[in-house]
Protein backbone atom coordinates (compact mmCIF):
# COMPACT_ATOMS: atom_id res chain seq x y z
CA MET A 1 -24.63 -28.49 61.81
CA SER A 2 -22.32 -31.44 61.67
CA THR A 3 -18.73 -30.75 60.70
CA PHE A 4 -18.72 -34.06 58.87
CA ASN A 5 -20.76 -32.43 56.06
CA ILE A 6 -17.94 -30.00 55.22
CA LYS A 7 -16.07 -31.18 52.18
CA PRO A 8 -12.41 -30.24 51.67
CA TYR A 9 -11.30 -28.16 48.71
CA PRO A 10 -10.60 -30.40 45.75
CA PRO A 11 -6.88 -30.95 45.24
CA THR A 12 -5.14 -29.11 42.43
CA PRO A 13 -5.16 -31.49 39.49
CA VAL A 14 -1.84 -32.85 38.34
CA TYR A 15 -1.01 -34.30 34.97
CA PRO A 16 1.64 -36.94 34.25
CA THR A 17 4.39 -35.87 31.85
CA SER A 18 7.16 -37.81 30.16
CA TRP A 19 9.91 -35.41 31.26
CA ALA A 20 9.14 -34.32 34.85
CA GLY A 21 6.62 -36.69 36.34
CA GLU A 22 3.32 -35.32 37.61
CA LEU A 23 2.92 -31.53 37.37
CA THR A 24 0.12 -29.06 37.91
CA PHE A 25 -0.86 -27.03 34.89
CA GLN A 26 0.81 -23.95 36.41
CA GLN A 27 4.05 -25.93 36.73
CA ILE A 28 3.70 -27.11 33.13
CA TYR A 29 3.20 -23.49 32.03
CA ASP A 30 6.20 -22.25 34.04
CA ASP A 31 8.34 -25.04 32.59
CA LEU A 32 7.35 -24.50 28.94
CA ALA A 33 6.49 -20.79 28.55
CA HIS A 34 10.05 -19.54 27.98
CA TYR A 35 10.85 -22.46 25.66
CA ALA A 36 7.63 -21.88 23.69
CA SER A 37 8.35 -18.14 23.44
CA ASN A 38 11.78 -18.78 21.90
CA VAL A 39 10.36 -21.30 19.43
CA MET A 40 7.60 -18.87 18.40
CA LYS A 41 10.15 -16.08 17.89
CA ASN A 42 12.22 -18.40 15.69
CA PHE A 43 9.12 -19.03 13.58
CA GLY A 44 8.51 -15.31 13.06
CA VAL A 45 6.04 -14.47 15.83
CA MET A 46 6.60 -10.83 16.78
CA PRO A 47 7.01 -9.70 20.43
CA ASP A 48 3.64 -7.92 20.45
CA GLU A 49 1.97 -11.13 19.23
CA LEU A 50 3.58 -13.45 21.80
CA PRO A 51 1.19 -12.94 24.75
CA ASP A 52 -1.89 -13.80 22.69
CA CYS A 53 -0.17 -16.73 20.99
CA LEU A 54 1.00 -18.18 24.31
CA GLN A 55 -2.41 -17.74 25.89
CA ILE A 56 -4.24 -19.40 23.00
CA GLY A 57 -1.69 -22.21 22.68
CA PHE A 58 -1.66 -23.06 26.40
CA MET A 59 -5.46 -22.85 26.51
CA ALA A 60 -5.58 -25.51 23.78
CA LEU A 61 -3.17 -27.64 25.83
CA TRP A 62 -5.27 -27.24 28.99
CA GLU A 63 -8.49 -28.20 27.18
CA THR A 64 -6.73 -31.30 25.84
CA LEU A 65 -5.48 -32.26 29.32
CA VAL A 66 -8.95 -31.89 30.79
CA GLU A 67 -10.20 -34.47 28.32
CA GLN A 68 -7.04 -36.63 28.28
CA ARG A 69 -5.25 -36.44 31.62
CA ASP A 70 -2.35 -38.61 30.42
CA PHE A 71 -1.95 -36.74 27.11
CA LEU A 72 1.64 -35.69 27.92
CA VAL A 73 2.81 -39.18 28.84
CA GLN A 74 3.52 -39.93 25.19
CA LYS A 75 4.78 -36.41 24.39
CA SER A 76 8.31 -35.14 24.84
CA ARG A 77 8.93 -31.61 26.07
CA LYS A 78 9.77 -30.50 22.52
CA GLN A 79 6.66 -32.15 21.07
CA THR A 80 4.51 -30.39 23.67
CA VAL A 81 5.97 -27.01 22.74
CA PHE A 82 5.28 -27.63 19.06
CA PHE A 83 1.74 -28.72 19.98
CA ILE A 84 1.31 -25.27 21.57
CA LEU A 85 2.90 -23.56 18.55
CA ALA A 86 0.59 -25.36 16.12
CA ARG A 87 -2.48 -24.10 17.99
CA CYS A 88 -1.45 -20.50 18.72
CA LYS A 89 -3.61 -19.15 15.84
CA ILE A 90 -1.01 -16.64 14.66
CA SER A 91 -2.64 -16.40 11.23
CA THR A 92 -5.99 -15.45 12.78
CA ILE A 93 -4.35 -12.89 15.06
CA ARG A 94 -2.55 -11.26 12.14
CA TYR A 95 -5.65 -11.28 9.95
CA GLN A 96 -7.67 -9.55 12.65
CA ALA A 97 -4.91 -7.00 13.23
CA ASN A 98 -4.27 -6.25 9.56
CA GLN A 99 -7.70 -6.43 7.97
CA TYR A 100 -8.05 -2.63 8.10
CA ASP A 101 -4.43 -1.73 7.28
CA SER A 102 -5.04 -1.56 3.53
CA LEU A 103 -7.56 0.21 1.35
CA ASP A 104 -7.24 -2.27 -1.51
CA ALA A 105 -10.64 -3.78 -0.78
CA LEU A 106 -12.23 -0.34 -0.68
CA ILE A 107 -10.89 0.68 -4.09
CA SER A 108 -10.99 -2.67 -5.87
CA ASP A 109 -12.83 -3.23 -9.12
CA ASP A 110 -15.28 -5.46 -7.29
CA TRP A 111 -16.19 -2.59 -4.97
CA HIS A 112 -16.75 -0.36 -8.00
CA ASN A 113 -19.12 -2.89 -9.52
CA THR A 114 -21.13 -3.36 -6.34
CA ALA A 115 -21.26 0.24 -5.14
CA ASP A 116 -25.06 0.27 -5.05
CA GLU A 117 -25.02 -2.59 -2.57
CA HIS A 118 -23.17 -0.52 0.05
CA VAL A 119 -26.31 0.90 1.66
CA ILE A 120 -27.06 2.26 5.11
CA ASP A 121 -29.31 -0.25 6.84
CA GLY A 122 -28.21 -0.36 10.50
CA MET A 123 -29.56 -3.91 10.91
CA GLN A 124 -26.26 -5.75 11.24
CA HIS A 125 -25.98 -8.37 13.98
CA GLN A 126 -23.06 -9.30 16.23
CA ARG A 127 -21.45 -5.88 16.05
CA GLY A 128 -18.65 -4.98 18.44
CA GLU A 129 -19.68 -1.30 18.54
CA ARG A 130 -21.97 0.14 21.21
CA TRP A 131 -23.83 2.36 18.76
CA ALA A 132 -26.17 1.66 15.87
CA GLY A 133 -24.69 0.29 12.66
CA TRP A 134 -26.26 3.05 10.58
CA ALA A 135 -24.33 5.66 12.58
CA THR A 136 -21.03 4.15 11.47
CA GLU A 137 -22.25 3.98 7.87
CA ILE A 138 -23.26 7.65 7.95
CA ASP A 139 -19.90 8.67 9.43
CA MET A 140 -18.15 6.74 6.67
CA ARG A 141 -20.18 8.42 3.95
CA ILE A 142 -19.53 11.85 5.46
CA ASP A 143 -15.78 11.13 5.47
CA ILE A 144 -15.92 9.93 1.86
CA GLU A 145 -17.82 13.07 0.85
CA ARG A 146 -15.23 15.28 2.57
CA VAL A 147 -12.35 13.54 0.78
CA MET A 148 -14.07 13.82 -2.60
CA HIS A 149 -14.99 17.47 -2.02
CA LYS A 150 -11.38 18.24 -1.04
CA LEU A 151 -9.99 16.62 -4.20
CA ALA A 152 -12.64 18.12 -6.47
CA THR A 153 -11.95 21.59 -5.07
CA LYS A 154 -8.19 21.14 -5.42
CA TYR A 155 -8.41 20.08 -9.08
CA GLY A 156 -11.54 22.00 -10.03
CA ASP A 157 -9.64 24.05 -12.62
CA SER A 158 -8.09 21.02 -14.34
CA LEU A 159 -10.43 18.99 -16.52
CA ARG A 160 -7.74 16.33 -16.96
CA HIS A 161 -7.47 15.77 -13.23
CA LEU A 162 -11.23 15.77 -12.80
CA ALA A 163 -11.50 13.15 -15.55
CA ALA A 164 -8.87 11.09 -13.71
CA LEU A 165 -10.84 11.39 -10.47
CA TYR A 166 -13.99 10.41 -12.39
CA HIS A 167 -12.26 7.28 -13.71
CA ILE A 168 -10.78 6.31 -10.32
CA THR A 169 -14.03 6.58 -8.38
CA THR A 170 -16.53 5.23 -10.93
CA GLN A 171 -16.85 2.41 -13.45
CA VAL A 172 -16.02 4.61 -16.44
CA SER A 173 -13.23 3.09 -18.56
CA ARG A 174 -9.83 4.65 -19.20
CA LYS A 175 -10.61 5.07 -22.87
CA ASP A 176 -13.89 6.90 -22.25
CA ALA A 177 -12.40 9.15 -19.58
CA ALA A 178 -9.38 10.01 -21.76
CA SER A 179 -11.69 10.91 -24.64
CA ILE A 180 -13.31 13.55 -22.43
CA VAL A 181 -10.06 15.52 -22.33
CA GLY A 182 -8.92 14.66 -25.87
CA MET A 183 -5.76 12.78 -24.88
CA THR A 184 -4.39 9.37 -25.73
CA THR A 185 -5.32 6.80 -23.11
CA ALA A 186 -1.77 5.79 -22.15
CA ASN A 187 -0.47 9.35 -21.96
CA TRP A 188 -3.39 10.62 -19.87
CA TYR A 189 -3.29 7.57 -17.58
CA GLN A 190 0.42 7.84 -16.77
CA THR A 191 0.41 11.62 -16.37
CA TYR A 192 -2.79 12.15 -14.42
CA VAL A 193 -4.40 8.91 -13.21
CA VAL A 194 -1.36 7.21 -11.66
CA PRO A 195 -0.28 10.14 -9.45
CA LEU A 196 -3.87 11.05 -8.58
CA LEU A 197 -4.61 7.45 -7.59
CA ALA A 198 -1.76 7.64 -5.06
CA GLU A 199 -3.27 10.83 -3.65
CA VAL A 200 -6.75 9.27 -3.43
CA ARG A 201 -5.33 6.29 -1.53
CA TYR A 202 -3.47 8.58 0.85
CA GLU A 203 -6.49 10.79 1.54
CA PHE A 204 -8.74 7.80 2.22
CA ALA A 205 -6.07 6.24 4.44
CA GLN A 206 -5.87 9.47 6.43
CA ALA A 207 -9.64 9.43 6.87
CA PHE A 208 -10.20 5.77 7.70
CA LEU A 209 -6.98 4.27 9.10
CA GLU A 210 -5.42 5.06 12.47
CA THR A 211 -2.00 4.14 11.09
CA HIS A 212 -0.95 3.42 7.51
CA SER A 213 2.10 3.27 5.25
CA TYR A 214 0.74 5.16 2.25
CA PRO A 215 3.29 7.89 1.32
CA VAL A 216 2.42 11.57 1.19
CA PRO A 217 1.62 12.20 -2.50
CA LYS A 218 3.98 14.36 -4.50
CA PRO A 219 2.58 17.53 -6.10
CA ILE A 220 1.04 16.75 -9.48
CA ILE A 221 2.41 18.87 -12.33
CA GLU A 222 -0.10 20.21 -14.83
CA TYR A 223 1.16 20.21 -18.41
CA PRO A 224 -0.76 22.87 -20.35
CA ASP A 225 1.09 21.98 -23.54
CA LYS A 226 -1.54 20.16 -25.64
CA SER A 227 1.17 18.87 -27.96
CA ARG A 228 1.87 16.31 -25.23
CA CYS A 229 -0.75 14.03 -26.75
CA THR A 230 0.43 14.47 -30.35
CA GLY A 231 3.86 12.87 -30.06
CA ARG A 232 5.80 15.95 -28.92
CA PHE A 233 8.28 15.28 -26.14
CA VAL A 234 7.69 17.62 -23.19
CA SER A 235 10.56 17.23 -20.76
CA PRO A 236 10.25 17.91 -17.04
CA TYR A 237 13.68 19.59 -17.36
CA ARG A 238 12.59 22.79 -19.09
CA ALA A 239 13.92 25.60 -16.91
CA TRP A 240 17.17 25.75 -18.89
CA ARG A 241 15.33 26.88 -22.03
CA ASP A 242 14.38 30.22 -20.47
CA GLN A 243 18.04 30.93 -19.73
CA TYR A 244 19.04 29.88 -23.23
CA HIS A 245 16.52 32.20 -24.87
CA ALA A 246 17.67 34.98 -22.53
CA GLY A 247 21.12 34.77 -24.14
CA ASN A 248 22.96 32.37 -21.85
CA THR A 249 24.07 29.92 -24.55
CA SER A 250 27.49 28.95 -23.17
CA PRO A 251 26.40 25.80 -21.24
CA ALA A 252 24.51 24.46 -24.27
CA GLU A 253 27.43 25.14 -26.60
CA ALA A 254 29.82 23.46 -24.15
CA LEU A 255 27.64 20.34 -24.14
CA LEU A 256 27.51 20.26 -27.93
CA ASP A 257 31.29 20.44 -28.03
CA GLN A 258 31.68 17.79 -25.31
CA TYR A 259 29.48 15.27 -27.12
CA ARG A 260 30.41 16.13 -30.71
CA HIS A 261 31.89 12.64 -31.14
CA THR A 262 28.67 10.97 -29.89
CA PRO A 263 26.38 11.33 -32.91
CA CYS A 264 23.01 10.35 -31.43
CA LEU A 265 23.40 12.43 -28.28
CA SER A 266 24.84 15.37 -30.21
CA LEU A 267 21.84 15.34 -32.56
CA ALA A 268 19.46 15.05 -29.59
CA LEU A 269 21.10 18.02 -27.86
CA GLN A 270 20.73 20.13 -30.99
CA ALA A 271 17.09 19.04 -31.37
CA GLN A 272 16.38 20.04 -27.77
CA ILE A 273 18.00 23.41 -28.31
CA ASP A 274 15.96 23.91 -31.49
CA GLY A 275 12.77 22.92 -29.64
CA LYS A 276 11.95 20.00 -31.93
CA SER A 277 9.73 17.09 -30.97
CA TYR A 278 11.42 13.73 -30.77
CA ARG A 279 9.43 12.48 -33.76
CA THR A 280 10.49 15.41 -35.92
CA ALA A 281 14.09 15.16 -34.77
CA ALA A 282 14.16 11.40 -35.41
CA ALA A 283 12.74 11.89 -38.90
CA ASP A 284 15.34 14.58 -39.69
CA VAL A 285 18.23 12.22 -38.89
CA ASN A 286 16.52 9.07 -40.23
CA HIS A 287 16.24 7.41 -36.79
CA SER A 288 13.50 5.37 -35.16
CA ALA A 289 11.33 7.68 -33.06
CA ASN A 290 11.05 5.13 -30.24
CA THR A 291 14.82 4.72 -30.06
CA PHE A 292 15.63 8.41 -30.44
CA ASN A 293 13.23 9.33 -27.63
CA LYS A 294 15.68 8.09 -24.97
CA HIS A 295 18.45 10.27 -26.43
CA MET A 296 16.11 13.27 -26.28
CA LYS A 297 15.38 12.56 -22.62
CA ARG A 298 19.07 12.24 -21.78
CA ALA A 299 19.83 15.44 -23.67
CA ALA A 300 17.12 17.29 -21.72
CA ARG A 301 18.59 16.00 -18.45
CA LEU A 302 22.12 17.05 -19.41
CA LEU A 303 20.96 20.54 -20.39
CA HIS A 304 19.04 20.85 -17.14
CA GLU A 305 22.10 19.84 -15.10
CA ALA A 306 24.40 22.13 -17.09
CA TYR A 307 22.23 25.19 -16.51
CA ALA A 308 21.47 24.25 -12.90
CA GLY A 309 25.17 24.21 -12.11
């Protein structure tokens, strides 16, 4: 075999630049990587996103140089860095990282209206998983069933909470769900639906998200007093009343004396002590019920604090 047939390794390609003459791509990378990193940080790219952004941006530069060897002749060092920044695909990286960090899509109105279309078929293409698509769908449905069973068991003795769960997870309207429990729509929604919705979001986040920012739901208070939907003010500060009826009247009397020169608050304190609804109390003193309600709430808070101390 003739040695003249042996071809030498091709030389490492070099590319002309406007700031440092001819450089290999590795030299271009070494020269610009730190500069590009600082620029990306200044534009809000996080440290954990930098490696991918740099790789994608420099790949775009390399592909351009392969096609246009003298591309950097007309580019300054700064312009080259911003060329890399513009092609780092940070929006795509963040979308891919965050697309499963929220359950909004899962609990949106659109999802409610198309629930029947979420079927188990297992025929999806281009899946990144190594198992069948229907297996993932079945696991998801099992997790959903467990969450729903947990919530239904927890609130099985409360029709109002069950109606709230019914409204949250189906297409039934607020008005129709509230009519099931005989409450006004606004009152039932604020008292039962809003806190239960937070709990539903948390439970689904626990089941489907590796990490999430949904807060642990606070315990939901059941109000057995049916007068809550008839205009009667039911304060969350009610423990003081037991002490008052047991004969400990000094804190209440001290408050009445302290606010005797504040007519609205004094009347509200007396109404709270007498156990009147805010509508009845407002009518007795010829006040607007909507305006007097805030005085009743403040009076309840003051009584609670007085007896707690």
